[in-house]
Amino acid sequence: MRALTKKSEHNYVVGMKPKPQEIVAARALLRWTAADLLQAANHRLSKSTLEKIEAGKPVRPLLLDTVIQTLEAEGIVFLENGVCLKQKEP
C-alpha cells in the first residue's frame, strides 16, 4: 500500500504518481481509446509516449502530468490505491 502524504494540486499524492495500470483503468472507465486520450490532450504527447506511460517506462514528468490532467478534467479521480470516475451532476 502507498503511504499518504500531502495532496498535490491534482488528486494524486505528492511523490506517488498513478501506477501505469491506473492510467489504463482510467482510460477504460471513460471508454477511451489511446487516440481519444491523445485528442483530448490536444496532441501534447505522442502515441509512443502514451504507450511508454502505460507500460511503466520513464517519461518526462510534464508529459505524465498532461495525461493525468486530461483524465482528471473528464472526472477521473486517482485514489491512494486505485481510480474512479466521478458522477457527472445533472
PDB file of N, CA and C in Angstrom:
ATOM      1  N   MET A   1       0.834  -1.168   0.000  1.00  0.00           N
ATOM      2  CA  MET A   1       0.000   0.000   0.000  1.00  0.00           C
ATOM      3  C   MET A   1       0.887   1.242   0.000  1.00  0.00           C
ATOM      4  N   ARG A   2       0.432   2.264  -0.686  1.00  0.00           N
ATOM      5  CA  ARG A   2       1.194   3.504  -0.758  1.00  0.00           C
ATOM      6  C   ARG A   2       0.863   4.386   0.446  1.00  0.00           C
ATOM      7  N   ALA A   3       1.877   4.952   1.025  1.00  0.00           N
ATOM      8  CA  ALA A   3       1.688   5.830   2.182  1.00  0.00           C
ATOM      9  C   ALA A   3       1.147   7.179   1.723  1.00  0.00           C
ATOM     10  N   LEU A   4       0.264   7.739   2.513  1.00  0.00           N
ATOM     11  CA  LEU A   4      -0.286   9.049   2.192  1.00  0.00           C
ATOM     12  C   LEU A   4       0.625  10.155   2.703  1.00  0.00           C
ATOM     13  N   THR A   5       0.803  11.148   1.884  1.00  0.00           N
ATOM     14  CA  THR A   5       1.450  12.385   2.292  1.00  0.00           C
ATOM     15  C   THR A   5       0.498  13.498   1.881  1.00  0.00           C
ATOM     16  N   LYS A   6       0.978  14.702   1.723  1.00  0.00           N
ATOM     17  CA  LYS A   6       0.046  15.762   1.341  1.00  0.00           C
ATOM     18  C   LYS A   6      -0.353  15.628  -0.130  1.00  0.00           C
ATOM     19  N   LYS A   7      -1.541  16.147  -0.437  1.00  0.00           N
ATOM     20  CA  LYS A   7      -2.056  16.100  -1.804  1.00  0.00           C
ATOM     21  C   LYS A   7      -1.444  17.222  -2.634  1.00  0.00           C
ATOM     22  N   SER A   8      -1.271  16.946  -3.921  1.00  0.00           N
ATOM     23  CA  SER A   8      -0.797  17.964  -4.848  1.00  0.00           C
ATOM     24  C   SER A   8      -1.991  18.752  -5.355  1.00  0.00           C
ATOM     25  N   GLU A   9      -1.756  19.621  -6.358  1.00  0.00           N
ATOM     26  CA  GLU A   9      -2.875  20.341  -6.943  1.00  0.00           C
ATOM     27  C   GLU A   9      -3.772  19.386  -7.710  1.00  0.00           C
ATOM     28  N   HIS A  10      -3.251  18.212  -8.035  1.00  0.00           N
ATOM     29  CA  HIS A  10      -4.049  17.168  -8.670  1.00  0.00           C
ATOM     30  C   HIS A  10      -4.584  16.285  -7.543  1.00  0.00           C
ATOM     31  N   ASN A  11      -5.292  15.242  -7.897  1.00  0.00           N
ATOM     32  CA  ASN A  11      -5.858  14.366  -6.882  1.00  0.00           C
ATOM     33  C   ASN A  11      -4.845  13.362  -6.336  1.00  0.00           C
ATOM     34  N   TYR A  12      -3.751  13.146  -7.041  1.00  0.00           N
ATOM     35  CA  TYR A  12      -2.805  12.143  -6.584  1.00  0.00           C
ATOM     36  C   TYR A  12      -1.911  12.702  -5.479  1.00  0.00           C
ATOM     37  N   VAL A  13      -1.289  11.806  -4.760  1.00  0.00           N
ATOM     38  CA  VAL A  13      -0.467  12.167  -3.611  1.00  0.00           C
ATOM     39  C   VAL A  13       0.923  12.571  -4.088  1.00  0.00           C
ATOM     40  N   VAL A  14       1.479  13.625  -3.496  1.00  0.00           N
ATOM     41  CA  VAL A  14       2.811  14.096  -3.868  1.00  0.00           C
ATOM     42  C   VAL A  14       3.806  12.942  -3.739  1.00  0.00           C
ATOM     43  N   GLY A  15       4.594  12.739  -4.779  1.00  0.00           N
ATOM     44  CA  GLY A  15       5.579  11.662  -4.773  1.00  0.00           C
ATOM     45  C   GLY A  15       4.990  10.307  -5.139  1.00  0.00           C
ATOM     46  N   MET A  16       3.693  10.248  -5.324  1.00  0.00           N
ATOM     47  CA  MET A  16       3.024   8.991  -5.652  1.00  0.00           C
ATOM     48  C   MET A  16       2.168   9.198  -6.898  1.00  0.00           C
ATOM     49  N   LYS A  17       2.781   9.149  -8.037  1.00  0.00           N
ATOM     50  CA  LYS A  17       2.038   9.291  -9.284  1.00  0.00           C
ATOM     51  C   LYS A  17       1.202   8.036  -9.508  1.00  0.00           C
ATOM     52  N   PRO A  18       0.140   8.145 -10.278  1.00  0.00           N
ATOM     53  CA  PRO A  18      -0.661   6.954 -10.570  1.00  0.00           C
ATOM     54  C   PRO A  18       0.189   5.863 -11.220  1.00  0.00           C
ATOM     55  N   LYS A  19      -0.130   4.633 -10.886  1.00  0.00           N
ATOM     56  CA  LYS A  19       0.555   3.489 -11.489  1.00  0.00           C
ATOM     57  C   LYS A  19       0.125   3.369 -12.948  1.00  0.00           C
ATOM     58  N   PRO A  20       0.955   2.741 -13.780  1.00  0.00           N
ATOM     59  CA  PRO A  20       0.589   2.576 -15.192  1.00  0.00           C
ATOM     60  C   PRO A  20      -0.779   1.917 -15.373  1.00  0.00           C
ATOM     61  N   GLN A  21      -1.068   0.894 -14.571  1.00  0.00           N
ATOM     62  CA  GLN A  21      -2.349   0.214 -14.724  1.00  0.00           C
ATOM     63  C   GLN A  21      -3.517   1.107 -14.309  1.00  0.00           C
ATOM     64  N   GLU A  22      -3.262   2.106 -13.479  1.00  0.00           N
ATOM     65  CA  GLU A  22      -4.310   3.055 -13.104  1.00  0.00           C
ATOM     66  C   GLU A  22      -4.606   4.019 -14.261  1.00  0.00           C
ATOM     67  N   ILE A  23      -3.595   4.361 -15.020  1.00  0.00           N
ATOM     68  CA  ILE A  23      -3.799   5.183 -16.215  1.00  0.00           C
ATOM     69  C   ILE A  23      -4.636   4.397 -17.217  1.00  0.00           C
ATOM     70  N   VAL A  24      -4.293   3.132 -17.417  1.00  0.00           N
ATOM     71  CA  VAL A  24      -5.051   2.269 -18.336  1.00  0.00           C
ATOM     72  C   VAL A  24      -6.492   2.122 -17.838  1.00  0.00           C
ATOM     73  N   ALA A  25      -6.665   1.904 -16.539  1.00  0.00           N
ATOM     74  CA  ALA A  25      -8.001   1.742 -15.961  1.00  0.00           C
ATOM     75  C   ALA A  25      -8.817   3.030 -16.117  1.00  0.00           C
ATOM     76  N   ALA A  26      -8.178   4.164 -15.943  1.00  0.00           N
ATOM     77  CA  ALA A  26      -8.870   5.444 -16.092  1.00  0.00           C
ATOM     78  C   ALA A  26      -9.385   5.605 -17.518  1.00  0.00           C
ATOM     79  N   ARG A  27      -8.554   5.239 -18.461  1.00  0.00           N
ATOM     80  CA  ARG A  27      -8.962   5.320 -19.867  1.00  0.00           C
ATOM     81  C   ARG A  27     -10.142   4.382 -20.128  1.00  0.00           C
ATOM     82  N   ALA A  28     -10.086   3.198 -19.528  1.00  0.00           N
ATOM     83  CA  ALA A  28     -11.172   2.219 -19.692  1.00  0.00           C
ATOM     84  C   ALA A  28     -12.476   2.728 -19.076  1.00  0.00           C
ATOM     85  N   LEU A  29     -12.384   3.386 -17.912  1.00  0.00           N
ATOM     86  CA  LEU A  29     -13.586   3.937 -17.281  1.00  0.00           C
ATOM     87  C   LEU A  29     -14.268   4.968 -18.181  1.00  0.00           C
ATOM     88  N   LEU A  30     -13.466   5.691 -18.926  1.00  0.00           N
ATOM     89  CA  LEU A  30     -14.006   6.697 -19.847  1.00  0.00           C
ATOM     90  C   LEU A  30     -14.399   6.084 -21.192  1.00  0.00           C
ATOM     91  N   ARG A  31     -14.042   4.809 -21.361  1.00  0.00           N
ATOM     92  CA  ARG A  31     -14.267   4.105 -22.642  1.00  0.00           C
ATOM     93  C   ARG A  31     -13.544   4.817 -23.782  1.00  0.00           C
ATOM     94  N   TRP A  32     -12.316   5.227 -23.476  1.00  0.00           N
ATOM     95  CA  TRP A  32     -11.485   5.933 -24.436  1.00  0.00           C
ATOM     96  C   TRP A  32     -10.437   5.009 -25.029  1.00  0.00           C
ATOM     97  N   THR A  33     -10.173   5.195 -26.299  1.00  0.00           N
ATOM     98  CA  THR A  33      -9.025   4.571 -26.933  1.00  0.00           C
ATOM     99  C   THR A  33      -7.811   5.468 -26.666  1.00  0.00           C
ATOM    100  N   ALA A  34      -6.649   4.984 -27.036  1.00  0.00           N
ATOM    101  CA  ALA A  34      -5.451   5.816 -26.917  1.00  0.00           C
ATOM    102  C   ALA A  34      -5.619   7.083 -27.760  1.00  0.00           C
ATOM    103  N   ALA A  35      -6.201   6.924 -28.939  1.00  0.00           N
ATOM    104  CA  ALA A  35      -6.412   8.075 -29.824  1.00  0.00           C
ATOM    105  C   ALA A  35      -7.344   9.102 -29.176  1.00  0.00           C
ATOM    106  N   ASP A  36      -8.362   8.637 -28.450  1.00  0.00           N
ATOM    107  CA  ASP A  36      -9.270   9.554 -27.751  1.00  0.00           C
ATOM    108  C   ASP A  36      -8.517  10.384 -26.714  1.00  0.00           C
ATOM    109  N   LEU A  37      -7.638   9.723 -25.960  1.00  0.00           N
ATOM    110  CA  LEU A  37      -6.865  10.436 -24.938  1.00  0.00           C
ATOM    111  C   LEU A  37      -5.916  11.440 -25.574  1.00  0.00           C
ATOM    112  N   LEU A  38      -5.252  11.034 -26.631  1.00  0.00           N
ATOM    113  CA  LEU A  38      -4.332  11.948 -27.317  1.00  0.00           C
ATOM    114  C   LEU A  38      -5.075  13.169 -27.854  1.00  0.00           C
ATOM    115  N   GLN A  39      -6.261  12.954 -28.401  1.00  0.00           N
ATOM    116  CA  GLN A  39      -7.047  14.075 -28.918  1.00  0.00           C
ATOM    117  C   GLN A  39      -7.497  14.988 -27.779  1.00  0.00           C
ATOM    118  N   ALA A  40      -7.966  14.406 -26.669  1.00  0.00           N
ATOM    119  CA  ALA A  40      -8.403  15.202 -25.526  1.00  0.00           C
ATOM    120  C   ALA A  40      -7.245  16.009 -24.939  1.00  0.00           C
ATOM    121  N   ALA A  41      -6.034  15.487 -25.072  1.00  0.00           N
ATOM    122  CA  ALA A  41      -4.832  16.181 -24.588  1.00  0.00           C
ATOM    123  C   ALA A  41      -4.296  17.164 -25.630  1.00  0.00           C
ATOM    124  N   ASN A  42      -5.098  17.403 -26.658  1.00  0.00           N
ATOM    125  CA  ASN A  42      -4.709  18.336 -27.735  1.00  0.00           C
ATOM    126  C   ASN A  42      -3.381  17.950 -28.371  1.00  0.00           C
ATOM    127  N   HIS A  43      -3.137  16.650 -28.429  1.00  0.00           N
ATOM    128  CA  HIS A  43      -1.929  16.107 -29.066  1.00  0.00           C
ATOM    129  C   HIS A  43      -0.646  16.696 -28.494  1.00  0.00           C
ATOM    130  N   ARG A  44      -0.653  16.956 -27.162  1.00  0.00           N
ATOM    131  CA  ARG A  44       0.555  17.462 -26.493  1.00  0.00           C
ATOM    132  C   ARG A  44       1.541  16.343 -26.174  1.00  0.00           C
ATOM    133  N   LEU A  45       1.181  15.107 -26.537  1.00  0.00           N
ATOM    134  CA  LEU A  45       2.097  13.986 -26.405  1.00  0.00           C
ATOM    135  C   LEU A  45       1.831  13.031 -27.545  1.00  0.00           C
ATOM    136  N   SER A  46       2.770  12.155 -27.794  1.00  0.00           N
ATOM    137  CA  SER A  46       2.654  11.216 -28.914  1.00  0.00           C
ATOM    138  C   SER A  46       2.091   9.882 -28.442  1.00  0.00           C
ATOM    139  N   LYS A  47       1.667   9.089 -29.415  1.00  0.00           N
ATOM    140  CA  LYS A  47       1.160   7.749 -29.110  1.00  0.00           C
ATOM    141  C   LYS A  47       2.252   6.917 -28.438  1.00  0.00           C
ATOM    142  N   SER A  48       3.480   7.044 -28.896  1.00  0.00           N
ATOM    143  CA  SER A  48       4.569   6.256 -28.305  1.00  0.00           C
ATOM    144  C   SER A  48       4.828   6.685 -26.852  1.00  0.00           C
ATOM    145  N   THR A  49       4.657   7.973 -26.552  1.00  0.00           N
ATOM    146  CA  THR A  49       4.815   8.432 -25.165  1.00  0.00           C
ATOM    147  C   THR A  49       3.723   7.839 -24.292  1.00  0.00           C
ATOM    148  N   LEU A  50       2.480   7.837 -24.770  1.00  0.00           N
ATOM    149  CA  LEU A  50       1.381   7.244 -24.011  1.00  0.00           C
ATOM    150  C   LEU A  50       1.634   5.759 -23.787  1.00  0.00           C
ATOM    151  N   GLU A  51       2.140   5.078 -24.802  1.00  0.00           N
ATOM    152  CA  GLU A  51       2.460   3.655 -24.661  1.00  0.00           C
ATOM    153  C   GLU A  51       3.537   3.451 -23.595  1.00  0.00           C
ATOM    154  N   LYS A  52       4.527   4.330 -23.551  1.00  0.00           N
ATOM    155  CA  LYS A  52       5.575   4.238 -22.523  1.00  0.00           C
ATOM    156  C   LYS A  52       4.973   4.434 -21.133  1.00  0.00           C
ATOM    157  N   ILE A  53       4.109   5.433 -20.986  1.00  0.00           N
ATOM    158  CA  ILE A  53       3.473   5.699 -19.694  1.00  0.00           C
ATOM    159  C   ILE A  53       2.692   4.475 -19.238  1.00  0.00           C
ATOM    160  N   GLU A  54       1.889   3.911 -20.137  1.00  0.00           N
ATOM    161  CA  GLU A  54       1.053   2.771 -19.786  1.00  0.00           C
ATOM    162  C   GLU A  54       1.861   1.496 -19.566  1.00  0.00           C
ATOM    163  N   ALA A  55       3.090   1.468 -20.062  1.00  0.00           N
ATOM    164  CA  ALA A  55       3.973   0.316 -19.849  1.00  0.00           C
ATOM    165  C   ALA A  55       4.876   0.518 -18.629  1.00  0.00           C
ATOM    166  N   GLY A  56       4.778   1.684 -17.995  1.00  0.00           N
ATOM    167  CA  GLY A  56       5.588   1.955 -16.807  1.00  0.00           C
ATOM    168  C   GLY A  56       7.007   2.389 -17.098  1.00  0.00           C
ATOM    169  N   LYS A  57       7.262   2.796 -18.329  1.00  0.00           N
ATOM    170  CA  LYS A  57       8.600   3.264 -18.683  1.00  0.00           C
ATOM    171  C   LYS A  57       8.715   4.757 -18.349  1.00  0.00           C
ATOM    172  N   PRO A  58       9.918   5.222 -18.067  1.00  0.00           N
ATOM    173  CA  PRO A  58      10.079   6.630 -17.680  1.00  0.00           C
ATOM    174  C   PRO A  58       9.809   7.592 -18.840  1.00  0.00           C
ATOM    175  N   VAL A  59       9.133   8.685 -18.499  1.00  0.00           N
ATOM    176  CA  VAL A  59       8.897   9.784 -19.443  1.00  0.00           C
ATOM    177  C   VAL A  59       9.090  11.082 -18.669  1.00  0.00           C
ATOM    178  N   ARG A  60       9.173  12.177 -19.379  1.00  0.00           N
ATOM    179  CA  ARG A  60       9.294  13.478 -18.713  1.00  0.00           C
ATOM    180  C   ARG A  60       8.065  13.710 -17.836  1.00  0.00           C
ATOM    181  N   PRO A  61       8.265  14.201 -16.626  1.00  0.00           N
ATOM    182  CA  PRO A  61       7.136  14.430 -15.715  1.00  0.00           C
ATOM    183  C   PRO A  61       6.031  15.295 -16.315  1.00  0.00           C
ATOM    184  N   LEU A  62       6.397  16.280 -17.131  1.00  0.00           N
ATOM    185  CA  LEU A  62       5.408  17.145 -17.750  1.00  0.00           C
ATOM    186  C   LEU A  62       4.443  16.346 -18.628  1.00  0.00           C
ATOM    187  N   LEU A  63       4.951  15.330 -19.310  1.00  0.00           N
ATOM    188  CA  LEU A  63       4.101  14.512 -20.183  1.00  0.00           C
ATOM    189  C   LEU A  63       3.146  13.658 -19.363  1.00  0.00           C
ATOM    190  N   LEU A  64       3.629  13.089 -18.264  1.00  0.00           N
ATOM    191  CA  LEU A  64       2.748  12.327 -17.384  1.00  0.00           C
ATOM    192  C   LEU A  64       1.687  13.239 -16.782  1.00  0.00           C
ATOM    193  N   ASP A  65       2.084  14.438 -16.378  1.00  0.00           N
ATOM    194  CA  ASP A  65       1.125  15.399 -15.834  1.00  0.00           C
ATOM    195  C   ASP A  65       0.053  15.756 -16.865  1.00  0.00           C
ATOM    196  N   THR A  66       0.431  15.835 -18.123  1.00  0.00           N
ATOM    197  CA  THR A  66      -0.539  16.123 -19.187  1.00  0.00           C
ATOM    198  C   THR A  66      -1.604  15.040 -19.235  1.00  0.00           C
ATOM    199  N   VAL A  67      -1.192  13.784 -19.155  1.00  0.00           N
ATOM    200  CA  VAL A  67      -2.137  12.672 -19.175  1.00  0.00           C
ATOM    201  C   VAL A  67      -3.044  12.736 -17.945  1.00  0.00           C
ATOM    202  N   ILE A  68      -2.452  12.934 -16.789  1.00  0.00           N
ATOM    203  CA  ILE A  68      -3.218  12.986 -15.539  1.00  0.00           C
ATOM    204  C   ILE A  68      -4.235  14.128 -15.578  1.00  0.00           C
ATOM    205  N   GLN A  69      -3.806  15.302 -15.981  1.00  0.00           N
ATOM    206  CA  GLN A  69      -4.706  16.460 -16.039  1.00  0.00           C
ATOM    207  C   GLN A  69      -5.837  16.232 -17.027  1.00  0.00           C
ATOM    208  N   THR A  70      -5.533  15.620 -18.157  1.00  0.00           N
ATOM    209  CA  THR A  70      -6.557  15.350 -19.163  1.00  0.00           C
ATOM    210  C   THR A  70      -7.609  14.392 -18.618  1.00  0.00           C
ATOM    211  N   LEU A  71      -7.162  13.337 -17.945  1.00  0.00           N
ATOM    212  CA  LEU A  71      -8.100  12.367 -17.380  1.00  0.00           C
ATOM    213  C   LEU A  71      -8.920  12.993 -16.248  1.00  0.00           C
ATOM    214  N   GLU A  72      -8.268  13.775 -15.396  1.00  0.00           N
ATOM    215  CA  GLU A  72      -8.979  14.421 -14.289  1.00  0.00           C
ATOM    216  C   GLU A  72     -10.012  15.417 -14.800  1.00  0.00           C
ATOM    217  N   ALA A  73      -9.741  16.068 -15.902  1.00  0.00           N
ATOM    218  CA  ALA A  73     -10.698  17.022 -16.472  1.00  0.00           C
ATOM    219  C   ALA A  73     -11.986  16.327 -16.911  1.00  0.00           C
ATOM    220  N   GLU A  74     -11.898  15.025 -17.141  1.00  0.00           N
ATOM    221  CA  GLU A  74     -13.066  14.241 -17.546  1.00  0.00           C
ATOM    222  C   GLU A  74     -13.736  13.540 -16.372  1.00  0.00           C
ATOM    223  N   GLY A  75     -13.264  13.816 -15.147  1.00  0.00           N
ATOM    224  CA  GLY A  75     -13.907  13.259 -13.968  1.00  0.00           C
ATOM    225  C   GLY A  75     -13.183  12.107 -13.307  1.00  0.00           C
ATOM    226  N   ILE A  76     -12.017  11.747 -13.802  1.00  0.00           N
ATOM    227  CA  ILE A  76     -11.240  10.674 -13.191  1.00  0.00           C
ATOM    228  C   ILE A  76     -10.638  11.171 -11.880  1.00  0.00           C
ATOM    229  N   VAL A  77     -10.677  10.329 -10.862  1.00  0.00           N
ATOM    230  CA  VAL A  77     -10.060  10.630  -9.575  1.00  0.00           C
ATOM    231  C   VAL A  77      -9.066   9.514  -9.272  1.00  0.00           C
ATOM    232  N   PHE A  78      -7.808   9.890  -9.073  1.00  0.00           N
ATOM    233  CA  PHE A  78      -6.784   8.922  -8.688  1.00  0.00           C
ATOM    234  C   PHE A  78      -6.755   8.847  -7.171  1.00  0.00           C
ATOM    235  N   LEU A  79      -6.967   7.658  -6.652  1.00  0.00           N
ATOM    236  CA  LEU A  79      -7.024   7.425  -5.222  1.00  0.00           C
ATOM    237  C   LEU A  79      -5.703   6.859  -4.730  1.00  0.00           C
ATOM    238  N   GLU A  80      -5.601   6.652  -3.432  1.00  0.00           N
ATOM    239  CA  GLU A  80      -4.376   6.080  -2.869  1.00  0.00           C
ATOM    240  C   GLU A  80      -4.061   4.729  -3.512  1.00  0.00           C
ATOM    241  N   ASN A  81      -5.082   3.963  -3.767  1.00  0.00           N
ATOM    242  CA  ASN A  81      -4.861   2.620  -4.317  1.00  0.00           C
ATOM    243  C   ASN A  81      -5.932   2.296  -5.340  1.00  0.00           C
ATOM    244  N   GLY A  82      -6.006   3.092  -6.389  1.00  0.00           N
ATOM    245  CA  GLY A  82      -6.985   2.828  -7.427  1.00  0.00           C
ATOM    246  C   GLY A  82      -7.409   4.095  -8.133  1.00  0.00           C
ATOM    247  N   VAL A  83      -8.501   3.970  -8.857  1.00  0.00           N
ATOM    248  CA  VAL A  83      -9.002   5.066  -9.678  1.00  0.00           C
ATOM    249  C   VAL A  83     -10.521   4.938  -9.757  1.00  0.00           C
ATOM    250  N   CYS A  84     -11.203   6.082  -9.842  1.00  0.00           N
ATOM    251  CA  CYS A  84     -12.653   6.035 -10.016  1.00  0.00           C
ATOM    252  C   CYS A  84     -13.078   7.198 -10.900  1.00  0.00           C
ATOM    253  N   LEU A  85     -14.337   7.149 -11.311  1.00  0.00           N
ATOM    254  CA  LEU A  85     -14.904   8.180 -12.163  1.00  0.00           C
ATOM    255  C   LEU A  85     -15.996   8.888 -11.383  1.00  0.00           C
ATOM    256  N   LYS A  86     -15.870  10.206 -11.238  1.00  0.00           N
ATOM    257  CA  LYS A  86     -16.894  10.993 -10.547  1.00  0.00           C
ATOM    258  C   LYS A  86     -18.162  11.002 -11.378  1.00  0.00           C
ATOM    259  N   GLN A  87     -19.283  10.921 -10.698  1.00  0.00           N
ATOM    260  CA  GLN A  87     -20.571  11.029 -11.380  1.00  0.00           C
ATOM    261  C   GLN A  87     -20.757  12.469 -11.819  1.00  0.00           C
ATOM    262  N   LYS A  88     -21.209  12.640 -13.040  1.00  0.00           N
ATOM    263  CA  LYS A  88     -21.487  13.995 -13.513  1.00  0.00           C
ATOM    264  C   LYS A  88     -22.804  14.455 -12.929  1.00  0.00           C
ATOM    265  N   GLU A  89     -22.815  15.708 -12.520  1.00  0.00           N
ATOM    266  CA  GLU A  89     -24.034  16.274 -11.932  1.00  0.00           C
ATOM    267  C   GLU A  89     -25.019  16.593 -13.049  1.00  0.00           C
ATOM    268  N   PRO A  90     -26.314  16.338 -12.789  1.00  0.00           N
ATOM    269  CA  PRO A  90     -27.338  16.602 -13.834  1.00  0.00           C
ATOM    270  C   PRO A  90     -27.515  18.065 -14.123  1.00  0.00           C
TER     271      PRO A  90
END
